[in-house]
N, C-alpha and C. Protein backbone atom coordinates (compact mmCIF):
# COMPACT_ATOMS: atom_id res chain seq x y z
N MET A 1 -99.43 -115.44 -193.41
CA MET A 1 -98.97 -115.65 -194.76
C MET A 1 -100.13 -115.39 -195.70
N LYS A 2 -99.85 -114.75 -196.77
CA LYS A 2 -100.88 -114.50 -197.78
C LYS A 2 -100.84 -115.61 -198.81
N THR A 3 -102.02 -115.94 -199.30
CA THR A 3 -102.13 -116.94 -200.35
C THR A 3 -103.35 -116.62 -201.21
N ALA A 4 -103.36 -117.14 -202.40
CA ALA A 4 -104.51 -116.97 -203.29
C ALA A 4 -105.10 -118.34 -203.56
N ILE A 5 -106.41 -118.44 -203.48
CA ILE A 5 -107.08 -119.71 -203.74
C ILE A 5 -108.25 -119.46 -204.69
N SER A 6 -108.66 -120.51 -205.34
CA SER A 6 -109.83 -120.44 -206.23
C SER A 6 -110.97 -121.19 -205.56
N LEU A 7 -112.14 -120.57 -205.55
CA LEU A 7 -113.33 -121.18 -204.97
C LEU A 7 -114.48 -121.07 -205.95
N PRO A 8 -115.38 -122.04 -205.93
CA PRO A 8 -116.60 -121.88 -206.72
C PRO A 8 -117.38 -120.65 -206.22
N ASP A 9 -118.02 -119.95 -207.12
CA ASP A 9 -118.74 -118.72 -206.78
C ASP A 9 -119.71 -118.90 -205.62
N ALA A 10 -120.49 -119.98 -205.65
CA ALA A 10 -121.49 -120.19 -204.60
C ALA A 10 -120.83 -120.38 -203.24
N LEU A 11 -119.72 -121.09 -203.19
CA LEU A 11 -119.01 -121.29 -201.93
C LEU A 11 -118.43 -119.98 -201.42
N PHE A 12 -117.88 -119.20 -202.32
CA PHE A 12 -117.34 -117.89 -201.94
C PHE A 12 -118.43 -117.01 -201.34
N LYS A 13 -119.58 -116.97 -202.00
CA LYS A 13 -120.68 -116.14 -201.52
C LYS A 13 -121.18 -116.63 -200.15
N SER A 14 -121.28 -117.92 -199.99
CA SER A 14 -121.72 -118.48 -198.70
C SER A 14 -120.72 -118.14 -197.60
N GLY A 15 -119.45 -118.25 -197.90
CA GLY A 15 -118.41 -117.91 -196.94
C GLY A 15 -118.43 -116.45 -196.59
N ASP A 16 -118.61 -115.61 -197.58
CA ASP A 16 -118.66 -114.17 -197.35
C ASP A 16 -119.85 -113.80 -196.46
N THR A 17 -121.00 -114.41 -196.74
CA THR A 17 -122.20 -114.18 -195.93
C THR A 17 -121.97 -114.64 -194.48
N LEU A 18 -121.37 -115.79 -194.29
CA LEU A 18 -121.11 -116.31 -192.96
C LEU A 18 -120.12 -115.42 -192.21
N ALA A 19 -119.08 -114.98 -192.89
CA ALA A 19 -118.09 -114.10 -192.25
C ALA A 19 -118.76 -112.83 -191.75
N LYS A 20 -119.63 -112.26 -192.55
CA LYS A 20 -120.34 -111.04 -192.14
C LYS A 20 -121.25 -111.33 -190.94
N ARG A 21 -121.95 -112.46 -190.98
CA ARG A 21 -122.84 -112.81 -189.88
C ARG A 21 -122.07 -113.03 -188.58
N LEU A 22 -120.89 -113.63 -188.68
CA LEU A 22 -120.06 -113.89 -187.49
C LEU A 22 -119.25 -112.67 -187.06
N GLY A 23 -119.19 -111.67 -187.92
CA GLY A 23 -118.43 -110.46 -187.60
C GLY A 23 -116.93 -110.67 -187.67
N VAL A 24 -116.50 -111.53 -188.60
CA VAL A 24 -115.07 -111.77 -188.79
C VAL A 24 -114.71 -111.50 -190.25
N SER A 25 -113.44 -111.33 -190.49
CA SER A 25 -112.99 -111.14 -191.87
C SER A 25 -113.05 -112.46 -192.63
N ARG A 26 -113.01 -112.37 -193.94
CA ARG A 26 -112.96 -113.58 -194.75
C ARG A 26 -111.71 -114.38 -194.40
N SER A 27 -110.59 -113.68 -194.22
CA SER A 27 -109.35 -114.37 -193.87
C SER A 27 -109.49 -115.15 -192.57
N GLU A 28 -110.12 -114.53 -191.57
CA GLU A 28 -110.33 -115.21 -190.29
C GLU A 28 -111.24 -116.42 -190.47
N LEU A 29 -112.29 -116.27 -191.25
CA LEU A 29 -113.20 -117.39 -191.50
C LEU A 29 -112.46 -118.54 -192.16
N TYR A 30 -111.68 -118.25 -193.19
CA TYR A 30 -110.95 -119.30 -193.88
C TYR A 30 -109.90 -119.94 -192.97
N ALA A 31 -109.24 -119.14 -192.15
CA ALA A 31 -108.24 -119.68 -191.22
C ALA A 31 -108.91 -120.62 -190.21
N ARG A 32 -110.05 -120.22 -189.68
CA ARG A 32 -110.78 -121.07 -188.73
C ARG A 32 -111.23 -122.37 -189.40
N ALA A 33 -111.75 -122.25 -190.61
CA ALA A 33 -112.24 -123.43 -191.33
C ALA A 33 -111.09 -124.39 -191.61
N LEU A 34 -109.95 -123.86 -192.03
CA LEU A 34 -108.81 -124.73 -192.32
C LEU A 34 -108.28 -125.38 -191.04
N ALA A 35 -108.23 -124.62 -189.95
CA ALA A 35 -107.77 -125.17 -188.67
C ALA A 35 -108.67 -126.31 -188.22
N GLU A 36 -109.99 -126.13 -188.36
CA GLU A 36 -110.93 -127.18 -187.99
C GLU A 36 -110.76 -128.41 -188.86
N PHE A 37 -110.58 -128.21 -190.14
CA PHE A 37 -110.41 -129.31 -191.09
C PHE A 37 -109.14 -130.09 -190.77
N VAL A 38 -108.05 -129.38 -190.52
CA VAL A 38 -106.78 -130.02 -190.18
C VAL A 38 -106.90 -130.80 -188.87
N ALA A 39 -107.54 -130.22 -187.87
CA ALA A 39 -107.71 -130.90 -186.58
C ALA A 39 -108.53 -132.17 -186.74
N ARG A 40 -109.59 -132.11 -187.54
CA ARG A 40 -110.43 -133.29 -187.76
C ARG A 40 -109.63 -134.41 -188.41
N HIS A 41 -108.80 -134.06 -189.37
CA HIS A 41 -108.00 -135.08 -190.05
C HIS A 41 -106.87 -135.59 -189.17
N ARG A 42 -106.38 -134.75 -188.28
CA ARG A 42 -105.36 -135.19 -187.33
C ARG A 42 -105.98 -136.24 -186.40
N ALA A 43 -107.21 -135.99 -185.96
CA ALA A 43 -107.91 -136.94 -185.11
C ALA A 43 -108.19 -138.23 -185.86
N ASP A 44 -108.55 -138.13 -187.14
CA ASP A 44 -108.78 -139.32 -187.95
C ASP A 44 -107.51 -140.15 -188.07
N ARG A 45 -106.39 -139.47 -188.23
CA ARG A 45 -105.09 -140.16 -188.35
C ARG A 45 -104.77 -140.89 -187.05
N LEU A 46 -105.03 -140.25 -185.92
CA LEU A 46 -104.80 -140.87 -184.63
C LEU A 46 -105.68 -142.10 -184.47
N THR A 47 -106.94 -141.99 -184.87
CA THR A 47 -107.86 -143.13 -184.80
C THR A 47 -107.35 -144.28 -185.66
N GLN A 48 -106.87 -143.99 -186.84
CA GLN A 48 -106.33 -145.03 -187.72
C GLN A 48 -105.14 -145.72 -187.07
N ARG A 49 -104.27 -144.95 -186.46
CA ARG A 49 -103.09 -145.53 -185.81
C ARG A 49 -103.49 -146.41 -184.62
N LEU A 50 -104.48 -145.94 -183.84
CA LEU A 50 -104.95 -146.74 -182.71
C LEU A 50 -105.63 -148.02 -183.19
N ASN A 51 -106.37 -147.94 -184.28
CA ASN A 51 -107.01 -149.14 -184.84
C ASN A 51 -105.98 -150.18 -185.24
N VAL A 52 -104.86 -149.74 -185.79
CA VAL A 52 -103.78 -150.67 -186.16
C VAL A 52 -103.23 -151.36 -184.91
N VAL A 53 -103.00 -150.58 -183.85
CA VAL A 53 -102.47 -151.14 -182.61
C VAL A 53 -103.45 -152.14 -182.02
N TYR A 54 -104.72 -151.76 -181.90
CA TYR A 54 -105.70 -152.64 -181.28
C TYR A 54 -106.05 -153.84 -182.12
N ALA A 55 -105.85 -153.76 -183.42
CA ALA A 55 -106.11 -154.91 -184.29
C ALA A 55 -105.13 -156.04 -183.98
N ARG A 56 -103.97 -155.70 -183.46
CA ARG A 56 -102.95 -156.70 -183.12
C ARG A 56 -103.23 -157.38 -181.78
N GLU A 57 -104.06 -156.76 -180.96
CA GLU A 57 -104.33 -157.27 -179.61
C GLU A 57 -105.45 -158.30 -179.64
N GLU A 58 -105.34 -159.26 -178.72
CA GLU A 58 -106.41 -160.25 -178.57
C GLU A 58 -107.62 -159.55 -177.95
N GLY A 59 -108.80 -159.87 -178.42
CA GLY A 59 -109.99 -159.17 -177.98
C GLY A 59 -110.81 -159.88 -176.93
N SER A 60 -110.20 -160.65 -176.05
CA SER A 60 -110.99 -161.34 -175.05
C SER A 60 -110.72 -160.78 -173.66
N PHE A 61 -111.74 -160.87 -172.78
CA PHE A 61 -111.62 -160.41 -171.40
C PHE A 61 -111.10 -161.53 -170.52
N ASP A 62 -110.42 -161.14 -169.50
CA ASP A 62 -110.04 -162.08 -168.44
C ASP A 62 -111.34 -162.49 -167.76
N PRO A 63 -111.60 -163.79 -167.60
CA PRO A 63 -112.86 -164.24 -166.99
C PRO A 63 -113.10 -163.64 -165.59
N ALA A 64 -112.05 -163.47 -164.81
CA ALA A 64 -112.22 -162.89 -163.47
C ALA A 64 -112.67 -161.43 -163.58
N PHE A 65 -112.12 -160.71 -164.53
CA PHE A 65 -112.51 -159.32 -164.74
C PHE A 65 -113.96 -159.24 -165.19
N ALA A 66 -114.34 -160.09 -166.10
CA ALA A 66 -115.73 -160.10 -166.60
C ALA A 66 -116.70 -160.40 -165.47
N ALA A 67 -116.36 -161.35 -164.58
CA ALA A 67 -117.23 -161.69 -163.45
C ALA A 67 -117.35 -160.52 -162.48
N ALA A 68 -116.24 -159.85 -162.19
CA ALA A 68 -116.27 -158.70 -161.29
C ALA A 68 -117.11 -157.57 -161.89
N GLN A 69 -116.97 -157.36 -163.17
CA GLN A 69 -117.75 -156.32 -163.84
C GLN A 69 -119.24 -156.65 -163.80
N ALA A 70 -119.59 -157.90 -164.00
CA ALA A 70 -121.00 -158.31 -163.96
C ALA A 70 -121.59 -158.09 -162.56
N GLN A 71 -120.81 -158.35 -161.52
CA GLN A 71 -121.29 -158.14 -160.15
C GLN A 71 -121.55 -156.66 -159.89
N LEU A 72 -120.69 -155.79 -160.41
CA LEU A 72 -120.90 -154.35 -160.24
C LEU A 72 -122.16 -153.87 -160.93
N LEU A 73 -122.43 -154.42 -162.10
CA LEU A 73 -123.62 -154.01 -162.84
C LEU A 73 -124.91 -154.42 -162.14
N VAL A 74 -124.90 -155.56 -161.47
CA VAL A 74 -126.08 -156.02 -160.73
C VAL A 74 -126.46 -155.03 -159.64
N ARG A 75 -125.46 -154.43 -159.01
CA ARG A 75 -125.71 -153.50 -157.90
C ARG A 75 -126.01 -152.08 -158.38
N GLU A 76 -125.89 -151.81 -159.64
CA GLU A 76 -126.09 -150.47 -160.19
C GLU A 76 -127.58 -150.18 -160.34
N ASP A 77 -128.03 -149.01 -159.87
CA ASP A 77 -129.41 -148.58 -160.08
C ASP A 77 -129.56 -148.02 -161.47
N TRP A 78 -130.49 -148.55 -162.22
CA TRP A 78 -130.73 -148.05 -163.57
C TRP A 78 -131.94 -147.20 -163.51
């Protein structure tokens, strides 16, 4: 899909320079940058949703589990 966007001159020049250095078109550079930005925000959204779920959970360990974990750590070579 074609689109027109406005960019500050310095950002445009930096992007153009990077595209040339990477050997890709400006369109490819912008598509990659947008894909990365969207993916990062998708991950942020997932983290936010998980934080909501875990905020509802009690944050204590089962004492038997904690004891078993402590025994394993004693035997671990550091």
